[in-house]
């Protein structure tokens, strides 16, 4: 089973976010051991691991396995690339926005920046759902289903 683009890019982005989340966790542990508060880093850490690592991995594996499992193929091969760009940029904008918002809580604009990144991630998720919902099945599969 060959890995097709952008599956590899989703998985590589996932691993990048995993390393970033783990490093952020180590920084937080170091700060806690010195008695320094880590409230500025908690939400960026959580978003990096959950939205960055886990969701990217789910998308990459999903684009590979769901069509293979169902015996079909994606109708539009360009949508996953658009999804990839929206997702990665959205996650990065979301993490930076959350970090800035936690660092300077008097500036509400940073929460808006984070929300914009979240909307990009949500838009990518809608593309994923559409891509999976419109899988093209072979004629033999359609005859079995009928």
Protein backbone atom coordinates (compact mmCIF):
# COMPACT_ATOMS: atom_id res chain seq x y z
CA UNK A 1 0.00 0.00 0.00
CA UNK A 2 1.74 3.18 -1.15
CA UNK A 3 1.36 6.42 0.76
CA UNK A 4 -0.03 9.16 -1.47
CA UNK A 5 0.30 12.90 -0.98
CA UNK A 6 -0.80 14.74 1.13
CA UNK A 7 -1.05 11.76 3.48
CA UNK A 8 2.68 11.82 4.12
CA UNK A 9 2.56 15.58 4.78
CA UNK A 10 -0.27 15.19 7.32
CA UNK A 11 1.71 12.49 9.13
CA UNK A 12 4.94 14.51 9.04
CA UNK A 13 3.11 17.59 10.34
CA UNK A 14 1.61 15.40 13.05
CA UNK A 15 5.06 14.26 14.16
CA UNK A 16 6.35 17.85 14.07
CA UNK A 17 3.52 18.94 16.38
CA UNK A 18 4.18 15.94 18.64
CA UNK A 19 7.83 16.94 19.07
CA UNK A 20 6.82 20.57 19.65
CA UNK A 21 4.22 19.54 22.23
CA UNK A 22 6.66 17.27 24.03
CA UNK A 23 9.32 19.99 24.11
CA UNK A 24 6.77 22.46 25.44
CA UNK A 25 5.86 19.91 28.11
CA UNK A 26 9.51 19.58 29.13
CA UNK A 27 9.81 23.38 29.34
CA UNK A 28 6.69 23.47 31.52
CA UNK A 29 8.10 20.76 33.83
CA UNK A 30 11.35 22.68 34.13
CA UNK A 31 9.47 25.86 35.02
CA UNK A 32 7.32 24.04 37.57
CA UNK A 33 10.41 22.54 39.22
CA UNK A 34 11.73 26.09 39.67
CA UNK A 35 8.42 27.31 41.09
CA UNK A 36 7.52 29.32 37.99
CA UNK A 37 3.91 29.33 36.80
CA UNK A 38 3.20 27.64 33.48
CA UNK A 39 -0.23 29.15 32.83
CA UNK A 40 1.05 30.85 29.65
CA UNK A 41 2.09 27.54 28.12
CA UNK A 42 -0.72 25.17 29.12
CA UNK A 43 -3.18 26.02 26.33
CA UNK A 44 -0.58 26.22 23.53
CA UNK A 45 0.72 22.84 24.77
CA UNK A 46 -2.77 21.31 24.72
CA UNK A 47 -3.61 22.72 21.28
CA UNK A 48 -0.28 21.58 19.84
CA UNK A 49 -0.83 18.00 21.02
CA UNK A 50 -4.56 17.61 20.43
CA UNK A 51 -5.24 19.71 17.35
CA UNK A 52 -1.74 19.61 15.91
CA UNK A 53 -0.59 16.07 16.62
CA UNK A 54 -3.71 13.97 17.06
CA UNK A 55 -5.96 15.59 14.47
CA UNK A 56 -3.21 15.72 11.83
CA UNK A 57 -2.52 12.02 12.39
CA UNK A 58 -6.23 11.18 12.17
CA UNK A 59 -6.54 13.08 8.88
CA UNK A 60 -3.45 11.46 7.37
CA UNK A 61 -4.46 7.95 8.37
CA UNK A 62 -8.08 8.66 7.43
CA UNK A 63 -7.23 9.77 3.90
CA UNK A 64 -5.25 6.55 3.44
CA UNK A 65 -7.39 3.95 5.17
CA UNK A 66 -11.00 5.01 4.72
CA UNK A 67 -11.01 4.89 0.89
CA UNK A 68 -8.96 1.66 0.96
CA UNK A 69 -11.26 0.09 3.54
CA UNK A 70 -14.37 1.05 1.59
CA UNK A 71 -12.85 0.00 -1.74
CA UNK A 72 -13.19 3.40 -3.32
CA UNK A 73 -11.15 6.44 -4.23
CA UNK A 74 -11.37 10.14 -3.55
CA UNK A 75 -13.27 12.03 -6.23
CA UNK A 76 -11.33 15.29 -5.93
CA UNK A 77 -7.59 14.88 -5.40
CA UNK A 78 -7.00 18.63 -4.89
CA UNK A 79 -9.24 19.08 -1.84
CA UNK A 80 -6.91 17.17 0.52
CA UNK A 81 -4.09 19.56 -0.43
CA UNK A 82 -6.29 22.57 0.35
CA UNK A 83 -7.24 20.83 3.59
CA UNK A 84 -3.56 20.30 4.45
CA UNK A 85 -2.73 23.98 3.96
CA UNK A 86 -5.77 25.17 5.93
CA UNK A 87 -5.08 22.73 8.73
CA UNK A 88 -1.38 23.39 9.24
CA UNK A 89 -1.66 27.18 8.94
CA UNK A 90 -4.75 27.12 11.17
CA UNK A 91 -3.02 25.11 13.88
CA UNK A 92 0.04 27.36 13.84
CA UNK A 93 -2.09 30.54 13.95
CA UNK A 94 -4.20 29.03 16.73
CA UNK A 95 -1.17 28.09 18.85
CA UNK A 96 0.52 31.48 18.39
CA UNK A 97 -2.75 33.30 19.11
CA UNK A 98 -3.40 31.30 22.28
CA UNK A 99 0.18 31.86 23.48
CA UNK A 100 -0.02 35.61 22.87
CA UNK A 101 -3.47 35.80 24.48
CA UNK A 102 -2.23 34.01 27.59
CA UNK A 103 0.89 36.19 27.72
CA UNK A 104 -0.98 39.47 27.38
CA UNK A 105 -4.54 38.94 28.61
CA UNK A 106 -5.45 42.61 28.26
CA UNK A 107 -5.31 42.35 24.46
CA UNK A 108 -8.44 40.58 23.21
CA UNK A 109 -7.18 40.70 19.61
CA UNK A 110 -5.02 37.66 20.28
CA UNK A 111 -8.08 35.57 21.06
CA UNK A 112 -9.50 36.72 17.73
CA UNK A 113 -6.30 35.60 16.00
CA UNK A 114 -6.59 32.23 17.69
CA UNK A 115 -10.24 31.97 16.67
CA UNK A 116 -9.31 32.71 13.06
CA UNK A 117 -6.86 29.80 13.18
CA UNK A 118 -9.62 27.66 14.65
CA UNK A 119 -11.93 28.58 11.77
CA UNK A 120 -9.24 27.50 9.33
CA UNK A 121 -8.94 24.14 11.11
CA UNK A 122 -12.74 23.74 11.08
CA UNK A 123 -12.85 24.58 7.36
CA UNK A 124 -10.27 21.88 6.74
CA UNK A 125 -12.35 19.43 8.76
CA UNK A 126 -15.36 20.19 6.60
CA UNK A 127 -13.25 19.47 3.51
CA UNK A 128 -12.23 16.13 5.07
CA UNK A 129 -15.85 15.18 5.73
CA UNK A 130 -16.84 16.17 2.19
CA UNK A 131 -13.92 14.24 0.66
CA UNK A 132 -14.79 11.09 2.59
CA UNK A 133 -18.53 11.46 1.98
CA UNK A 134 -18.02 11.69 -1.79
CA UNK A 135 -15.77 8.64 -2.22
CA UNK A 136 -16.30 7.06 -5.65
CA UNK A 137 -16.92 3.33 -5.48
CA UNK A 138 -16.31 0.81 -8.25
CA UNK A 139 -19.35 -0.54 -10.10
CA UNK A 140 -18.89 -4.01 -8.59
CA UNK A 141 -19.17 -2.53 -5.08
CA UNK A 142 -22.30 -0.60 -5.98
CA UNK A 143 -23.99 -3.76 -7.30
CA UNK A 144 -23.27 -5.58 -4.03
CA UNK A 145 -24.73 -2.74 -1.98
CA UNK A 146 -27.94 -2.67 -4.04
